[in-house]
Amino acid sequence: MIGPVTVAGQPTDEELRSLRSQGYSTVINIRMPGELDEPEGPKVEAAGLRYVEIPYTIQTVTEDDVRRVREAIESAPPGSKVLTH
């Protein structure tokens, strides 16, 4: 965890459901399309969290990707945590 931001591997469905009770408000998914077996957004939103998808890899990351991640983190409610994976 770096400040309010946690960088993690792929969370399980159970972990996604428990994030809100741990103070998280936002999940940022940076995984590329096709890496997940099923859509994650509906699960995150059903848990009462904001879902942001910004797919990139170390080979494809752009300044715009970095800007979008920063904006997603900065727009999280004050005092809440952000999970990125």
C-alpha atoms as a PDB file:
ATOM      1  CA  MET A   1       0.000   0.000   0.000  1.00  0.00           C
ATOM      2  CA  ILE A   2       1.324   3.427  -0.976  1.00  0.00           C
ATOM      3  CA  GLY A   3      -0.767   6.052   0.811  1.00  0.00           C
ATOM      4  CA  PRO A   4      -4.367   5.279  -0.061  1.00  0.00           C
ATOM      5  CA  VAL A   5      -3.364   3.120  -3.067  1.00  0.00           C
ATOM      6  CA  THR A   6      -2.904  -0.640  -2.972  1.00  0.00           C
ATOM      7  CA  VAL A   7      -1.290  -2.435  -5.930  1.00  0.00           C
ATOM      8  CA  ALA A   8      -2.260  -6.100  -6.007  1.00  0.00           C
ATOM      9  CA  GLY A   9      -2.685  -9.159  -8.138  1.00  0.00           C
ATOM     10  CA  GLN A  10      -6.088 -10.187  -9.437  1.00  0.00           C
ATOM     11  CA  PRO A  11      -8.565 -10.108  -6.529  1.00  0.00           C
ATOM     12  CA  THR A  12     -10.968 -12.986  -6.049  1.00  0.00           C
ATOM     13  CA  ASP A  13     -14.722 -12.409  -6.118  1.00  0.00           C
ATOM     14  CA  GLU A  14     -14.766 -12.714  -2.324  1.00  0.00           C
ATOM     15  CA  GLU A  15     -12.004 -10.125  -2.000  1.00  0.00           C
ATOM     16  CA  LEU A  16     -13.882  -7.740  -4.296  1.00  0.00           C
ATOM     17  CA  ARG A  17     -17.005  -8.070  -2.141  1.00  0.00           C
ATOM     18  CA  SER A  18     -15.028  -7.263   1.019  1.00  0.00           C
ATOM     19  CA  LEU A  19     -13.213  -4.148  -0.258  1.00  0.00           C
ATOM     20  CA  ARG A  20     -15.858  -1.609   0.710  1.00  0.00           C
ATOM     21  CA  SER A  21     -15.841  -2.768   4.335  1.00  0.00           C
ATOM     22  CA  GLN A  22     -12.071  -2.223   4.313  1.00  0.00           C
ATOM     23  CA  GLY A  23     -12.420   1.419   3.265  1.00  0.00           C
ATOM     24  CA  TYR A  24     -11.946   1.070  -0.500  1.00  0.00           C
ATOM     25  CA  SER A  25     -14.036   3.154  -2.885  1.00  0.00           C
ATOM     26  CA  THR A  26     -12.403   2.484  -6.254  1.00  0.00           C
ATOM     27  CA  VAL A  27     -10.935  -0.403  -8.227  1.00  0.00           C
ATOM     28  CA  ILE A  28      -8.654   0.415 -11.156  1.00  0.00           C
ATOM     29  CA  ASN A  29      -8.143  -2.518 -13.513  1.00  0.00           C
ATOM     30  CA  ILE A  30      -5.059  -2.156 -15.722  1.00  0.00           C
ATOM     31  CA  ARG A  31      -5.234  -5.675 -17.156  1.00  0.00           C
ATOM     32  CA  MET A  32      -5.468  -6.072 -20.896  1.00  0.00           C
ATOM     33  CA  PRO A  33      -8.713  -7.170 -22.580  1.00  0.00           C
ATOM     34  CA  GLY A  34      -8.986 -10.934 -22.657  1.00  0.00           C
ATOM     35  CA  GLU A  35      -6.937 -11.489 -19.486  1.00  0.00           C
ATOM     36  CA  LEU A  36     -10.036 -11.988 -17.340  1.00  0.00           C
ATOM     37  CA  ASP A  37     -12.363 -14.972 -17.674  1.00  0.00           C
ATOM     38  CA  GLU A  38     -15.423 -12.792 -17.082  1.00  0.00           C
ATOM     39  CA  PRO A  39     -16.150  -9.066 -16.798  1.00  0.00           C
ATOM     40  CA  GLU A  40     -15.052  -7.560 -13.492  1.00  0.00           C
ATOM     41  CA  GLY A  41     -16.877  -4.231 -13.672  1.00  0.00           C
ATOM     42  CA  PRO A  42     -20.339  -5.549 -12.753  1.00  0.00           C
ATOM     43  CA  LYS A  43     -18.904  -7.390  -9.721  1.00  0.00           C
ATOM     44  CA  VAL A  44     -17.095  -4.288  -8.487  1.00  0.00           C
ATOM     45  CA  GLU A  45     -20.116  -2.057  -8.987  1.00  0.00           C
ATOM     46  CA  ALA A  46     -22.398  -4.603  -7.262  1.00  0.00           C
ATOM     47  CA  ALA A  47     -20.065  -4.328  -4.253  1.00  0.00           C
ATOM     48  CA  GLY A  48     -20.753  -0.573  -4.158  1.00  0.00           C
ATOM     49  CA  LEU A  49     -17.399   0.479  -5.609  1.00  0.00           C
ATOM     50  CA  ARG A  50     -16.417   2.605  -8.579  1.00  0.00           C
ATOM     51  CA  TYR A  51     -14.795   0.638 -11.410  1.00  0.00           C
ATOM     52  CA  VAL A  52     -12.197   2.197 -13.721  1.00  0.00           C
ATOM     53  CA  GLU A  53     -10.639   0.254 -16.576  1.00  0.00           C
ATOM     54  CA  ILE A  54      -7.352   1.522 -18.035  1.00  0.00           C
ATOM     55  CA  PRO A  55      -5.686  -1.423 -19.794  1.00  0.00           C
ATOM     56  CA  TYR A  56      -1.959  -1.271 -20.421  1.00  0.00           C
ATOM     57  CA  THR A  57       1.242  -3.242 -20.080  1.00  0.00           C
ATOM     58  CA  ILE A  58       4.771  -2.085 -19.348  1.00  0.00           C
ATOM     59  CA  GLN A  59       5.338  -2.220 -23.115  1.00  0.00           C
ATOM     60  CA  THR A  60       2.220  -0.235 -24.049  1.00  0.00           C
ATOM     61  CA  VAL A  61       1.824   2.304 -21.222  1.00  0.00           C
ATOM     62  CA  THR A  62       1.471   5.903 -22.386  1.00  0.00           C
ATOM     63  CA  GLU A  63       1.481   9.278 -20.679  1.00  0.00           C
ATOM     64  CA  ASP A  64      -2.295   9.327 -21.162  1.00  0.00           C
ATOM     65  CA  ASP A  65      -2.623   6.012 -19.270  1.00  0.00           C
ATOM     66  CA  VAL A  66      -0.613   7.438 -16.377  1.00  0.00           C
ATOM     67  CA  ARG A  67      -2.704  10.625 -16.394  1.00  0.00           C
ATOM     68  CA  ARG A  68      -5.949   8.612 -16.337  1.00  0.00           C
ATOM     69  CA  VAL A  69      -4.750   6.463 -13.417  1.00  0.00           C
ATOM     70  CA  ARG A  70      -3.703   9.567 -11.503  1.00  0.00           C
ATOM     71  CA  GLU A  71      -7.096  11.197 -12.156  1.00  0.00           C
ATOM     72  CA  ALA A  72      -8.932   8.061 -10.995  1.00  0.00           C
ATOM     73  CA  ILE A  73      -6.916   8.027  -7.776  1.00  0.00           C
ATOM     74  CA  GLU A  74      -7.321  11.749  -7.157  1.00  0.00           C
ATOM     75  CA  SER A  75     -11.093  11.618  -7.754  1.00  0.00           C
ATOM     76  CA  ALA A  76     -11.654   8.918  -5.126  1.00  0.00           C
ATOM     77  CA  PRO A  77     -13.595  10.175  -2.105  1.00  0.00           C
ATOM     78  CA  PRO A  78     -11.331  11.751   0.546  1.00  0.00           C
ATOM     79  CA  GLY A  79     -10.139   9.242   3.115  1.00  0.00           C
ATOM     80  CA  SER A  80     -10.957   6.216   0.978  1.00  0.00           C
ATOM     81  CA  LYS A  81      -8.581   3.675  -0.514  1.00  0.00           C
ATOM     82  CA  VAL A  82      -7.989   2.681  -4.128  1.00  0.00           C
ATOM     83  CA  LEU A  83      -7.102  -0.811  -5.344  1.00  0.00           C
ATOM     84  CA  THR A  84      -5.261  -1.118  -8.628  1.00  0.00           C
ATOM     85  CA  HIS A  85      -4.415  -4.376 -10.317  1.00  0.00           C
END
